[in-house]
Amino acid sequence: MPDVGAGRGAPDGPTTGWRIPFWALQVLELGVAFLLVTQSVHVGRGGLLVAAGVLFGLEALTADGPLGVVRVVPQRLHVLLVAGTALLLGALAFVPSLRPDVEGLLVIGAAVVAVVFLATRTVTASGRRGRRAGRQGPVIDATATVVPPDGTAPSEPAGDPDSALRRAGRTTGAAAAAGRRAVEEHRPQVEDQVKRTLREAGRLAGRLTGPKTPPRDGPG
């Protein structure tokens, strides 16, 4: 039987529960950065929101992921950095000289919770080679010989380069098909989860910054 195992540089991350790919975390970071910057003009002392939004955007664009522009930060290091940035933002929000008003604190709290939670559920790969291996799925030994049920091995001339090329072609096609099926199976669920998270953040921001309805006077 051929030995089928995880490839070198396989994705690292949580082993239980639902998980999200690395590009989904980058989408969340860019969405949070946009939310913080746009809401900073509606709160008192919103400078901390602007600084955090710029930092989240820079981290998303410099990560070694699909949405990275300058891919200089490995994925595992990026997850640690973005989680640390979120926790630091939550701590700085209570410094008297930096603390925004109540609406700003609520926006920061929602951003910190979303980023830290999804960062702990992100699947990462060790470098670009590991990310490609994780995207392709299991690695199949192209040199293995599959024995039929009757126990007779297929008769192929030893050292025949054409036979080796045919085996390599078959296994490469099988690995590519398995990778495409895995991506098509899990991508809709991840995209729906990210969209729901961004919609919830937008609705929260709308409630925080929307017009306040004065209480109605009771019957006098």
N, C-alpha and C. Protein backbone atom coordinates (compact mmCIF):
# COMPACT_ATOMS: atom_id res chain seq x y z
N MET A 1 0.85 -1.20 0.00
CA MET A 1 0.00 0.00 0.00
C MET A 1 0.88 1.24 0.00
N PRO A 2 0.54 2.29 -0.78
CA PRO A 2 1.33 3.51 -0.76
C PRO A 2 1.15 4.25 0.54
N ASP A 3 2.18 4.91 0.97
CA ASP A 3 2.15 5.66 2.21
C ASP A 3 1.65 7.06 1.94
N VAL A 4 0.50 7.38 2.50
CA VAL A 4 -0.10 8.70 2.30
C VAL A 4 0.02 9.44 3.60
N GLY A 5 0.66 10.60 3.61
CA GLY A 5 0.85 11.37 4.85
C GLY A 5 0.82 12.84 4.57
N ALA A 6 0.88 13.60 5.65
CA ALA A 6 0.89 15.05 5.50
C ALA A 6 2.23 15.48 4.95
N GLY A 7 2.21 16.47 4.05
CA GLY A 7 3.44 16.94 3.44
C GLY A 7 4.26 17.78 4.38
N ARG A 8 5.51 17.94 4.01
CA ARG A 8 6.40 18.78 4.81
C ARG A 8 5.88 20.21 4.79
N GLY A 9 5.88 20.85 5.97
CA GLY A 9 5.36 22.21 6.06
C GLY A 9 3.85 22.24 6.02
N ALA A 10 3.18 21.19 6.54
CA ALA A 10 1.72 21.15 6.54
C ALA A 10 1.19 22.27 7.43
N PRO A 11 -0.06 22.70 7.20
CA PRO A 11 -0.61 23.82 7.97
C PRO A 11 -0.62 23.51 9.45
N ASP A 12 -0.31 24.54 10.25
CA ASP A 12 -0.37 24.45 11.70
C ASP A 12 -1.58 25.23 12.17
N GLY A 13 -2.16 24.80 13.27
CA GLY A 13 -3.29 25.53 13.81
C GLY A 13 -4.12 24.65 14.71
N PRO A 14 -5.32 25.10 15.10
CA PRO A 14 -6.16 24.33 15.98
C PRO A 14 -6.51 22.98 15.37
N THR A 15 -6.57 21.96 16.21
CA THR A 15 -6.89 20.62 15.73
C THR A 15 -8.34 20.25 15.96
N THR A 16 -9.09 21.07 16.70
CA THR A 16 -10.49 20.79 16.96
C THR A 16 -11.31 22.03 16.64
N GLY A 17 -12.61 21.79 16.39
CA GLY A 17 -13.49 22.91 16.10
C GLY A 17 -13.31 23.41 14.68
N TRP A 18 -14.11 24.44 14.35
CA TRP A 18 -14.02 24.99 13.00
C TRP A 18 -12.79 25.88 12.90
N ARG A 19 -12.24 25.95 11.69
CA ARG A 19 -11.03 26.73 11.45
C ARG A 19 -11.23 27.60 10.21
N ILE A 20 -10.42 28.62 10.07
CA ILE A 20 -10.49 29.51 8.92
C ILE A 20 -9.12 29.56 8.26
N PRO A 21 -9.07 29.75 6.95
CA PRO A 21 -7.77 29.87 6.28
C PRO A 21 -7.15 31.22 6.58
N PHE A 22 -5.88 31.34 6.23
CA PHE A 22 -5.13 32.55 6.58
C PHE A 22 -5.67 33.78 5.87
N TRP A 23 -6.13 33.61 4.62
CA TRP A 23 -6.62 34.79 3.89
C TRP A 23 -7.87 35.36 4.54
N ALA A 24 -8.67 34.53 5.23
CA ALA A 24 -9.86 35.04 5.90
C ALA A 24 -9.47 35.95 7.06
N LEU A 25 -8.39 35.63 7.78
CA LEU A 25 -7.91 36.51 8.84
C LEU A 25 -7.45 37.84 8.26
N GLN A 26 -6.79 37.80 7.10
CA GLN A 26 -6.38 39.06 6.46
C GLN A 26 -7.58 39.91 6.08
N VAL A 27 -8.63 39.28 5.56
CA VAL A 27 -9.85 40.03 5.22
C VAL A 27 -10.44 40.68 6.47
N LEU A 28 -10.46 39.94 7.58
CA LEU A 28 -10.98 40.49 8.83
C LEU A 28 -10.14 41.68 9.29
N GLU A 29 -8.83 41.56 9.20
CA GLU A 29 -7.96 42.66 9.63
C GLU A 29 -8.23 43.92 8.81
N LEU A 30 -8.35 43.77 7.50
CA LEU A 30 -8.62 44.94 6.66
C LEU A 30 -9.99 45.53 6.99
N GLY A 31 -10.98 44.67 7.24
CA GLY A 31 -12.29 45.18 7.62
C GLY A 31 -12.27 45.91 8.95
N VAL A 32 -11.55 45.36 9.94
CA VAL A 32 -11.43 46.03 11.24
C VAL A 32 -10.68 47.34 11.10
N ALA A 33 -9.63 47.35 10.27
CA ALA A 33 -8.88 48.60 10.06
C ALA A 33 -9.79 49.68 9.46
N PHE A 34 -10.59 49.32 8.47
CA PHE A 34 -11.52 50.28 7.87
C PHE A 34 -12.55 50.76 8.89
N LEU A 35 -13.06 49.84 9.71
CA LEU A 35 -14.06 50.20 10.71
C LEU A 35 -13.48 51.17 11.74
N LEU A 36 -12.28 50.90 12.23
CA LEU A 36 -11.69 51.76 13.25
C LEU A 36 -11.42 53.16 12.70
N VAL A 37 -10.88 53.24 11.48
CA VAL A 37 -10.56 54.55 10.92
C VAL A 37 -11.82 55.36 10.64
N THR A 38 -12.85 54.72 10.08
CA THR A 38 -14.07 55.46 9.75
C THR A 38 -14.85 55.87 11.00
N GLN A 39 -14.81 55.06 12.06
CA GLN A 39 -15.54 55.40 13.27
C GLN A 39 -14.79 56.38 14.16
N SER A 40 -13.50 56.60 13.88
CA SER A 40 -12.72 57.51 14.73
C SER A 40 -13.22 58.94 14.65
N VAL A 41 -13.87 59.30 13.53
CA VAL A 41 -14.35 60.68 13.39
C VAL A 41 -15.66 60.90 14.13
N HIS A 42 -16.28 59.82 14.62
CA HIS A 42 -17.57 59.96 15.30
C HIS A 42 -17.44 59.84 16.82
N VAL A 43 -16.24 59.61 17.32
CA VAL A 43 -16.06 59.45 18.76
C VAL A 43 -15.11 60.52 19.27
N GLY A 44 -15.16 60.75 20.56
CA GLY A 44 -14.24 61.70 21.17
C GLY A 44 -12.88 61.08 21.38
N ARG A 45 -11.84 61.82 21.08
CA ARG A 45 -10.45 61.36 21.19
C ARG A 45 -10.26 60.03 20.44
N GLY A 46 -10.47 60.09 19.14
CA GLY A 46 -10.39 58.88 18.32
C GLY A 46 -9.01 58.61 17.74
N GLY A 47 -7.97 59.25 18.25
CA GLY A 47 -6.63 59.02 17.72
C GLY A 47 -6.17 57.59 17.88
N LEU A 48 -6.54 56.95 18.99
CA LEU A 48 -6.14 55.56 19.20
C LEU A 48 -6.78 54.65 18.17
N LEU A 49 -8.01 54.93 17.76
CA LEU A 49 -8.67 54.12 16.75
C LEU A 49 -7.95 54.24 15.41
N VAL A 50 -7.53 55.46 15.06
CA VAL A 50 -6.82 55.66 13.80
C VAL A 50 -5.49 54.90 13.81
N ALA A 51 -4.74 55.02 14.90
CA ALA A 51 -3.44 54.34 14.97
C ALA A 51 -3.62 52.82 14.88
N ALA A 52 -4.62 52.29 15.58
CA ALA A 52 -4.84 50.84 15.54
C ALA A 52 -5.28 50.40 14.16
N GLY A 53 -6.14 51.18 13.50
CA GLY A 53 -6.58 50.81 12.16
C GLY A 53 -5.43 50.78 11.17
N VAL A 54 -4.56 51.78 11.24
CA VAL A 54 -3.40 51.80 10.34
C VAL A 54 -2.49 50.60 10.61
N LEU A 55 -2.30 50.26 11.88
CA LEU A 55 -1.42 49.15 12.23
C LEU A 55 -2.00 47.81 11.75
N PHE A 56 -3.30 47.61 11.94
CA PHE A 56 -3.92 46.38 11.46
C PHE A 56 -3.81 46.27 9.93
N GLY A 57 -4.02 47.39 9.23
CA GLY A 57 -3.90 47.35 7.78
C GLY A 57 -2.49 47.01 7.32
N LEU A 58 -1.48 47.61 7.97
CA LEU A 58 -0.10 47.31 7.60
C LEU A 58 0.25 45.86 7.87
N GLU A 59 -0.23 45.32 8.98
CA GLU A 59 0.07 43.93 9.29
C GLU A 59 -0.56 42.99 8.27
N ALA A 60 -1.78 43.29 7.84
CA ALA A 60 -2.44 42.43 6.85
C ALA A 60 -1.71 42.47 5.51
N LEU A 61 -1.20 43.62 5.12
CA LEU A 61 -0.58 43.77 3.81
C LEU A 61 0.88 43.30 3.77
N THR A 62 1.50 43.11 4.94
CA THR A 62 2.89 42.64 4.96
C THR A 62 2.99 41.17 5.34
N ALA A 63 1.86 40.49 5.52
CA ALA A 63 1.89 39.07 5.88
C ALA A 63 2.15 38.22 4.65
N ASP A 64 2.75 37.07 4.87
CA ASP A 64 3.05 36.12 3.79
C ASP A 64 1.79 35.30 3.50
N GLY A 65 0.78 35.99 2.93
CA GLY A 65 -0.49 35.35 2.62
C GLY A 65 -1.02 35.83 1.28
N PRO A 66 -2.18 35.31 0.88
CA PRO A 66 -2.72 35.67 -0.45
C PRO A 66 -2.98 37.15 -0.64
N LEU A 67 -3.33 37.87 0.43
CA LEU A 67 -3.64 39.30 0.31
C LEU A 67 -2.45 40.19 0.64
N GLY A 68 -1.31 39.61 0.93
CA GLY A 68 -0.14 40.41 1.26
C GLY A 68 0.44 41.11 0.03
N VAL A 69 0.83 42.35 0.21
CA VAL A 69 1.46 43.12 -0.86
C VAL A 69 2.98 42.99 -0.76
N VAL A 70 3.51 43.18 0.44
CA VAL A 70 4.94 42.97 0.70
C VAL A 70 5.01 41.80 1.69
N ARG A 71 5.21 40.60 1.20
CA ARG A 71 5.07 39.39 2.02
C ARG A 71 6.37 39.08 2.74
N VAL A 72 6.58 39.77 3.87
CA VAL A 72 7.83 39.62 4.60
C VAL A 72 7.63 38.97 5.97
N VAL A 73 6.40 38.86 6.45
CA VAL A 73 6.15 38.31 7.79
C VAL A 73 5.55 36.91 7.63
N PRO A 74 6.20 35.89 8.18
CA PRO A 74 5.63 34.52 8.10
C PRO A 74 4.26 34.46 8.76
N GLN A 75 3.48 33.47 8.36
CA GLN A 75 2.10 33.41 8.82
C GLN A 75 1.99 33.20 10.32
N ARG A 76 2.76 32.28 10.87
CA ARG A 76 2.66 32.02 12.31
C ARG A 76 3.06 33.25 13.11
N LEU A 77 4.12 33.95 12.69
CA LEU A 77 4.53 35.17 13.38
C LEU A 77 3.46 36.25 13.23
N HIS A 78 2.83 36.31 12.05
CA HIS A 78 1.79 37.31 11.84
C HIS A 78 0.62 37.10 12.79
N VAL A 79 0.20 35.86 12.99
CA VAL A 79 -0.91 35.59 13.90
C VAL A 79 -0.58 36.06 15.31
N LEU A 80 0.65 35.81 15.76
CA LEU A 80 1.06 36.28 17.08
C LEU A 80 1.08 37.80 17.15
N LEU A 81 1.56 38.44 16.08
CA LEU A 81 1.63 39.90 16.08
C LEU A 81 0.24 40.53 16.11
N VAL A 82 -0.68 40.01 15.31
CA VAL A 82 -1.99 40.62 15.24
C VAL A 82 -2.77 40.40 16.54
N ALA A 83 -2.60 39.22 17.16
CA ALA A 83 -3.25 38.99 18.46
C ALA A 83 -2.65 39.90 19.53
N GLY A 84 -1.32 40.06 19.51
CA GLY A 84 -0.68 40.97 20.46
C GLY A 84 -1.10 42.41 20.26
N THR A 85 -1.24 42.82 18.98
CA THR A 85 -1.70 44.18 18.69
C THR A 85 -3.10 44.42 19.23
N ALA A 86 -3.98 43.43 19.06
CA ALA A 86 -5.35 43.58 19.56
C ALA A 86 -5.37 43.70 21.08
N LEU A 87 -4.59 42.85 21.76
CA LEU A 87 -4.55 42.92 23.22
C LEU A 87 -3.94 44.24 23.70
N LEU A 88 -2.90 44.70 23.01
CA LEU A 88 -2.30 45.99 23.37
C LEU A 88 -3.29 47.13 23.16
N LEU A 89 -4.07 47.05 22.08
CA LEU A 89 -5.10 48.07 21.84
C LEU A 89 -6.12 48.09 22.97
N GLY A 90 -6.55 46.90 23.42
CA GLY A 90 -7.50 46.86 24.53
C GLY A 90 -6.92 47.45 25.81
N ALA A 91 -5.61 47.24 26.04
CA ALA A 91 -5.00 47.80 27.26
C ALA A 91 -4.83 49.31 27.15
N LEU A 92 -4.41 49.81 25.98
CA LEU A 92 -4.21 51.25 25.82
C LEU A 92 -5.52 52.02 25.86
N ALA A 93 -6.62 51.34 25.58
CA ALA A 93 -7.91 52.04 25.58
C ALA A 93 -8.29 52.54 26.96
N PHE A 94 -7.64 52.02 28.00
CA PHE A 94 -7.97 52.45 29.37
C PHE A 94 -6.92 53.39 29.96
N VAL A 95 -5.94 53.78 29.15
CA VAL A 95 -4.99 54.80 29.59
C VAL A 95 -5.69 56.15 29.54
N PRO A 96 -5.71 56.90 30.64
CA PRO A 96 -6.50 58.16 30.65
C PRO A 96 -6.18 59.11 29.52
N SER A 97 -4.92 59.23 29.15
CA SER A 97 -4.57 60.20 28.11
C SER A 97 -4.95 59.71 26.70
N LEU A 98 -5.23 58.43 26.53
CA LEU A 98 -5.57 57.88 25.21
C LEU A 98 -7.02 57.40 25.14
N ARG A 99 -7.69 57.28 26.26
CA ARG A 99 -9.00 56.65 26.30
C ARG A 99 -10.04 57.47 25.54
N PRO A 100 -10.73 56.83 24.56
CA PRO A 100 -11.81 57.54 23.87
C PRO A 100 -13.08 57.52 24.72
N ASP A 101 -14.17 58.03 24.16
CA ASP A 101 -15.42 58.03 24.91
C ASP A 101 -16.02 56.62 24.93
N VAL A 102 -17.23 56.52 25.48
CA VAL A 102 -17.84 55.21 25.65
C VAL A 102 -18.07 54.51 24.31
N GLU A 103 -18.50 55.25 23.30
CA GLU A 103 -18.72 54.64 21.99
C GLU A 103 -17.42 54.11 21.41
N GLY A 104 -16.35 54.86 21.57
CA GLY A 104 -15.06 54.39 21.09
C GLY A 104 -14.58 53.15 21.81
N LEU A 105 -14.84 53.08 23.14
CA LEU A 105 -14.45 51.89 23.88
C LEU A 105 -15.22 50.66 23.40
N LEU A 106 -16.50 50.83 23.08
CA LEU A 106 -17.28 49.70 22.59
C LEU A 106 -16.79 49.22 21.22
N VAL A 107 -16.43 50.15 20.34
CA VAL A 107 -15.90 49.77 19.03
C VAL A 107 -14.58 49.03 19.19
N ILE A 108 -13.71 49.54 20.06
CA ILE A 108 -12.42 48.88 20.29
C ILE A 108 -12.64 47.49 20.89
N GLY A 109 -13.57 47.38 21.83
CA GLY A 109 -13.83 46.08 22.44
C GLY A 109 -14.30 45.05 21.43
N ALA A 110 -15.22 45.46 20.54
CA ALA A 110 -15.70 44.53 19.51
C ALA A 110 -14.57 44.11 18.58
N ALA A 111 -13.71 45.06 18.19
CA ALA A 111 -12.59 44.74 17.30
C ALA A 111 -11.61 43.79 17.97
N VAL A 112 -11.29 44.03 19.24
CA VAL A 112 -10.33 43.18 19.95
C VAL A 112 -10.85 41.75 20.07
N VAL A 113 -12.12 41.61 20.44
CA VAL A 113 -12.69 40.27 20.61
C VAL A 113 -12.69 39.51 19.28
N ALA A 114 -13.11 40.19 18.20
CA ALA A 114 -13.18 39.52 16.89
C ALA A 114 -11.80 39.09 16.41
N VAL A 115 -10.81 39.97 16.53
CA VAL A 115 -9.47 39.66 16.01
C VAL A 115 -8.82 38.55 16.82
N VAL A 116 -8.88 38.64 18.15
CA VAL A 116 -8.22 37.63 18.98
C VAL A 116 -8.88 36.27 18.79
N PHE A 117 -10.22 36.25 18.75
CA PHE A 117 -10.92 34.97 18.62
C PHE A 117 -10.59 34.29 17.29
N LEU A 118 -10.67 35.04 16.19
CA LEU A 118 -10.43 34.42 14.89
C LEU A 118 -8.95 34.12 14.67
N ALA A 119 -8.06 34.89 15.31
CA ALA A 119 -6.63 34.58 15.19
C ALA A 119 -6.32 33.22 15.80
N THR A 120 -7.03 32.86 16.88
CA THR A 120 -6.79 31.55 17.50
C THR A 120 -7.39 30.42 16.69
N ARG A 121 -8.23 30.72 15.70
CA ARG A 121 -8.84 29.69 14.86
C ARG A 121 -8.24 29.65 13.46
N THR A 122 -7.16 30.37 13.22
CA THR A 122 -6.57 30.48 11.89
C THR A 122 -5.56 29.37 11.64
N VAL A 123 -5.66 28.76 10.47
CA VAL A 123 -4.69 27.74 10.06
C VAL A 123 -3.53 28.44 9.36
N THR A 124 -2.33 28.18 9.82
CA THR A 124 -1.15 28.81 9.24
C THR A 124 -0.25 27.76 8.60
N ALA A 125 0.66 28.22 7.76
CA ALA A 125 1.64 27.34 7.12
C ALA A 125 3.02 27.90 7.38
N SER A 126 4.01 27.02 7.47
CA SER A 126 5.38 27.43 7.74
C SER A 126 6.05 27.86 6.44
N GLY A 127 5.92 29.13 6.08
CA GLY A 127 6.57 29.65 4.88
C GLY A 127 5.76 29.38 3.64
N ARG A 128 6.25 29.87 2.50
CA ARG A 128 5.52 29.74 1.24
C ARG A 128 5.44 28.29 0.80
N ARG A 129 6.53 27.51 0.98
CA ARG A 129 6.49 26.12 0.58
C ARG A 129 5.45 25.36 1.39
N GLY A 130 5.38 25.65 2.70
CA GLY A 130 4.38 24.99 3.52
C GLY A 130 2.98 25.38 3.12
N ARG A 131 2.78 26.66 2.72
CA ARG A 131 1.44 27.07 2.33
C ARG A 131 1.00 26.35 1.06
N ARG A 132 1.92 26.17 0.11
CA ARG A 132 1.56 25.45 -1.11
C ARG A 132 1.27 23.98 -0.79
N ALA A 133 2.05 23.38 0.09
CA ALA A 133 1.81 21.98 0.43
C ALA A 133 0.47 21.82 1.12
N GLY A 134 0.11 22.76 2.03
CA GLY A 134 -1.17 22.66 2.68
C GLY A 134 -2.32 22.87 1.72
N ARG A 135 -2.13 23.69 0.68
CA ARG A 135 -3.20 23.91 -0.27
C ARG A 135 -3.40 22.70 -1.17
N GLN A 136 -2.33 21.96 -1.48
CA GLN A 136 -2.44 20.82 -2.37
C GLN A 136 -3.02 19.59 -1.68
N GLY A 137 -2.90 19.51 -0.36
CA GLY A 137 -3.46 18.38 0.36
C GLY A 137 -2.43 17.29 0.56
N PRO A 138 -2.88 16.03 0.71
CA PRO A 138 -1.94 14.94 1.00
C PRO A 138 -0.93 14.74 -0.11
N VAL A 139 0.28 14.32 0.29
CA VAL A 139 1.35 14.03 -0.67
C VAL A 139 1.40 12.52 -0.88
N ILE A 140 1.35 12.09 -2.11
CA ILE A 140 1.31 10.67 -2.47
C ILE A 140 2.67 10.28 -3.03
N ASP A 141 3.16 9.15 -2.59
CA ASP A 141 4.45 8.64 -3.07
C ASP A 141 4.29 8.15 -4.50
N ALA A 142 4.94 8.85 -5.43
CA ALA A 142 4.80 8.51 -6.84
C ALA A 142 5.56 7.24 -7.21
N THR A 143 6.50 6.82 -6.37
CA THR A 143 7.29 5.64 -6.69
C THR A 143 6.71 4.36 -6.12
N ALA A 144 5.61 4.47 -5.34
CA ALA A 144 5.03 3.27 -4.73
C ALA A 144 4.31 2.44 -5.79
N THR A 145 4.27 1.14 -5.56
CA THR A 145 3.60 0.22 -6.47
C THR A 145 2.34 -0.30 -5.79
N VAL A 146 1.20 -0.16 -6.43
CA VAL A 146 -0.06 -0.64 -5.89
C VAL A 146 -0.26 -2.07 -6.37
N VAL A 147 -0.44 -3.00 -5.43
CA VAL A 147 -0.60 -4.42 -5.75
C VAL A 147 -2.08 -4.72 -5.91
N PRO A 148 -2.52 -5.33 -7.01
CA PRO A 148 -3.93 -5.67 -7.19
C PRO A 148 -4.40 -6.67 -6.16
N PRO A 149 -5.75 -6.87 -6.02
CA PRO A 149 -6.26 -7.82 -5.02
C PRO A 149 -5.77 -9.25 -5.22
N ASP A 150 -5.48 -9.67 -6.46
CA ASP A 150 -5.04 -11.05 -6.67
C ASP A 150 -3.60 -11.29 -6.24
N GLY A 151 -2.92 -10.20 -5.79
CA GLY A 151 -1.56 -10.35 -5.27
C GLY A 151 -0.49 -10.31 -6.32
N THR A 152 -0.82 -10.13 -7.58
CA THR A 152 0.18 -10.09 -8.65
C THR A 152 0.53 -8.66 -8.95
N ALA A 153 1.80 -8.35 -8.95
CA ALA A 153 2.25 -7.00 -9.22
C ALA A 153 2.17 -6.73 -10.71
N PRO A 154 1.86 -5.49 -11.12
CA PRO A 154 1.82 -5.17 -12.54
C PRO A 154 3.18 -5.33 -13.17
N SER A 155 3.17 -5.85 -14.36
CA SER A 155 4.44 -6.11 -15.06
C SER A 155 4.82 -4.89 -15.87
N GLU A 156 5.82 -4.17 -15.35
CA GLU A 156 6.36 -3.01 -16.05
C GLU A 156 7.87 -3.17 -16.09
N PRO A 157 8.48 -2.86 -17.18
CA PRO A 157 9.92 -3.00 -17.28
C PRO A 157 10.62 -2.17 -16.21
N ALA A 158 11.58 -2.77 -15.53
CA ALA A 158 12.31 -2.06 -14.49
C ALA A 158 13.12 -0.93 -15.11
N GLY A 159 13.06 0.21 -14.47
CA GLY A 159 13.82 1.35 -14.94
C GLY A 159 13.27 1.99 -16.19
N ASP A 160 12.01 1.67 -16.57
CA ASP A 160 11.42 2.26 -17.77
C ASP A 160 11.05 3.71 -17.47
N PRO A 161 11.68 4.71 -18.12
CA PRO A 161 11.37 6.12 -17.82
C PRO A 161 9.94 6.49 -18.19
N ASP A 162 9.38 5.87 -19.23
CA ASP A 162 8.01 6.19 -19.61
C ASP A 162 7.03 5.78 -18.53
N SER A 163 7.24 4.61 -17.92
CA SER A 163 6.35 4.17 -16.85
C SER A 163 6.44 5.10 -15.65
N ALA A 164 7.64 5.52 -15.30
CA ALA A 164 7.79 6.45 -14.18
C ALA A 164 7.10 7.77 -14.46
N LEU A 165 7.20 8.27 -15.68
CA LEU A 165 6.54 9.52 -16.03
C LEU A 165 5.02 9.36 -15.95
N ARG A 166 4.51 8.20 -16.42
CA ARG A 166 3.07 8.00 -16.36
C ARG A 166 2.58 7.95 -14.91
N ARG A 167 3.34 7.27 -14.04
CA ARG A 167 2.94 7.22 -12.64
C ARG A 167 2.97 8.61 -12.01
N ALA A 168 4.01 9.37 -12.32
CA ALA A 168 4.10 10.73 -11.77
C ALA A 168 2.94 11.59 -12.26
N GLY A 169 2.59 11.44 -13.54
CA GLY A 169 1.47 12.22 -14.08
C GLY A 169 0.16 11.87 -13.41
N ARG A 170 -0.07 10.56 -13.16
CA ARG A 170 -1.32 10.15 -12.51
C ARG A 170 -1.41 10.67 -11.08
N THR A 171 -0.33 10.54 -10.33
CA THR A 171 -0.37 11.00 -8.93
C THR A 171 -0.48 12.51 -8.84
N THR A 172 0.18 13.23 -9.74
CA THR A 172 0.05 14.70 -9.74
C THR A 172 -1.37 15.13 -10.03
N GLY A 173 -2.00 14.48 -11.00
CA GLY A 173 -3.39 14.82 -11.30
C GLY A 173 -4.31 14.51 -10.14
N ALA A 174 -4.08 13.38 -9.44
CA ALA A 174 -4.92 13.03 -8.30
C ALA A 174 -4.74 14.03 -7.17
N ALA A 175 -3.50 14.45 -6.90
CA ALA A 175 -3.27 15.43 -5.83
C ALA A 175 -3.92 16.77 -6.16
N ALA A 176 -3.82 17.21 -7.42
CA ALA A 176 -4.43 18.49 -7.81
C ALA A 176 -5.94 18.43 -7.68
N ALA A 177 -6.56 17.31 -8.10
CA ALA A 177 -8.01 17.17 -7.97
C ALA A 177 -8.44 17.18 -6.52
N ALA A 178 -7.68 16.50 -5.64
CA ALA A 178 -8.02 16.50 -4.22
C ALA A 178 -7.92 17.90 -3.63
N GLY A 179 -6.91 18.66 -4.03
CA GLY A 179 -6.79 20.03 -3.53
C GLY A 179 -7.94 20.91 -3.97
N ARG A 180 -8.35 20.78 -5.24
CA ARG A 180 -9.48 21.59 -5.71
C ARG A 180 -10.76 21.24 -4.99
N ARG A 181 -10.98 19.94 -4.75
CA ARG A 181 -12.19 19.54 -4.04
C ARG A 181 -12.21 20.09 -2.61
N ALA A 182 -11.05 20.07 -1.94
CA ALA A 182 -10.99 20.58 -0.56
C ALA A 182 -11.29 22.08 -0.51
N VAL A 183 -10.72 22.84 -1.46
CA VAL A 183 -10.96 24.28 -1.49
C VAL A 183 -12.43 24.58 -1.77
N GLU A 184 -13.02 23.88 -2.76
CA GLU A 184 -14.41 24.13 -3.09
C GLU A 184 -15.35 23.73 -1.96
N GLU A 185 -14.95 22.73 -1.15
CA GLU A 185 -15.82 22.27 -0.07
C GLU A 185 -15.84 23.23 1.10
N HIS A 186 -14.71 23.83 1.46
CA HIS A 186 -14.62 24.62 2.68
C HIS A 186 -14.71 26.13 2.44
N ARG A 187 -14.42 26.61 1.24
CA ARG A 187 -14.40 28.05 1.04
C ARG A 187 -15.75 28.72 1.28
N PRO A 188 -16.91 28.17 0.81
CA PRO A 188 -18.19 28.85 1.09
C PRO A 188 -18.46 29.03 2.57
N GLN A 189 -18.13 28.03 3.40
CA GLN A 189 -18.38 28.16 4.83
C GLN A 189 -17.53 29.26 5.43
N VAL A 190 -16.25 29.32 5.03
CA VAL A 190 -15.38 30.35 5.59
C VAL A 190 -15.81 31.73 5.16
N GLU A 191 -16.17 31.88 3.86
CA GLU A 191 -16.60 33.19 3.39
C GLU A 191 -17.87 33.64 4.10
N ASP A 192 -18.82 32.73 4.34
CA ASP A 192 -20.04 33.09 5.06
C ASP A 192 -19.72 33.54 6.48
N GLN A 193 -18.78 32.85 7.15
CA GLN A 193 -18.42 33.22 8.51
C GLN A 193 -17.80 34.61 8.57
N VAL A 194 -16.89 34.90 7.63
CA VAL A 194 -16.25 36.22 7.61
C VAL A 194 -17.27 37.30 7.32
N LYS A 195 -18.18 37.04 6.36
CA LYS A 195 -19.20 38.04 6.03
C LYS A 195 -20.11 38.30 7.22
N ARG A 196 -20.49 37.25 7.95
CA ARG A 196 -21.35 37.45 9.12
C ARG A 196 -20.64 38.28 10.17
N THR A 197 -19.34 38.02 10.38
CA THR A 197 -18.59 38.78 11.37
C THR A 197 -18.52 40.25 11.00
N LEU A 198 -18.25 40.55 9.72
CA LEU A 198 -18.17 41.94 9.29
C LEU A 198 -19.53 42.62 9.37
N ARG A 199 -20.62 41.89 9.02
CA ARG A 199 -21.95 42.49 9.13
C ARG A 199 -22.30 42.82 10.57
N GLU A 200 -21.95 41.91 11.51
CA GLU A 200 -22.23 42.18 12.91
C GLU A 200 -21.46 43.40 13.39
N ALA A 201 -20.18 43.52 12.96
CA ALA A 201 -19.39 44.69 13.35
C ALA A 201 -19.99 45.96 12.77
N GLY A 202 -20.47 45.90 11.52
CA GLY A 202 -21.09 47.08 10.92
C GLY A 202 -22.36 47.48 11.62
N ARG A 203 -23.19 46.49 11.98
CA ARG A 203 -24.43 46.81 12.69
C ARG A 203 -24.14 47.41 14.06
N LEU A 204 -23.11 46.86 14.76
CA LEU A 204 -22.74 47.41 16.05
C LEU A 204 -22.28 48.86 15.92
N ALA A 205 -21.45 49.11 14.89
CA ALA A 205 -20.99 50.49 14.69
C ALA A 205 -22.15 51.41 14.34
N GLY A 206 -23.12 50.93 13.56
CA GLY A 206 -24.26 51.75 13.22
C GLY A 206 -25.10 52.09 14.43
N ARG A 207 -25.27 51.13 15.34
CA ARG A 207 -26.05 51.42 16.55
C ARG A 207 -25.32 52.42 17.45
N LEU A 208 -23.97 52.30 17.45
CA LEU A 208 -23.22 53.19 18.33
C LEU A 208 -23.21 54.63 17.82
N THR A 209 -23.15 54.79 16.51
CA THR A 209 -23.01 56.13 15.94
C THR A 209 -24.31 56.70 15.41
N GLY A 210 -25.40 55.94 15.43
CA GLY A 210 -26.67 56.42 14.90
C GLY A 210 -27.31 57.43 15.82
N PRO A 211 -28.33 58.12 15.32
CA PRO A 211 -29.02 59.14 16.14
C PRO A 211 -29.72 58.49 17.32
N LYS A 212 -29.63 59.11 18.43
CA LYS A 212 -30.26 58.63 19.65
C LYS A 212 -31.70 59.13 19.71
N THR A 213 -32.67 58.23 19.88
CA THR A 213 -34.07 58.61 19.97
C THR A 213 -34.39 59.03 21.40
N PRO A 214 -34.85 60.27 21.60
CA PRO A 214 -35.15 60.70 22.98
C PRO A 214 -36.31 59.91 23.54
N PRO A 215 -36.30 59.65 24.83
CA PRO A 215 -37.39 58.88 25.43
C PRO A 215 -38.71 59.66 25.36
N ARG A 216 -39.77 58.93 25.10
CA ARG A 216 -41.09 59.56 25.04
C ARG A 216 -41.59 59.92 26.43
N ASP A 217 -42.22 61.09 26.49
CA ASP A 217 -42.79 61.50 27.76
C ASP A 217 -44.04 60.69 28.06
N GLY A 218 -44.19 60.31 29.29
CA GLY A 218 -45.38 59.57 29.67
C GLY A 218 -46.61 60.45 29.68
N PRO A 219 -47.74 59.84 29.81
CA PRO A 219 -48.99 60.64 29.84
C PRO A 219 -49.00 61.57 31.04
N GLY A 220 -49.21 62.85 30.78
CA GLY A 220 -49.17 63.83 31.85
C GLY A 220 -50.56 64.22 32.32
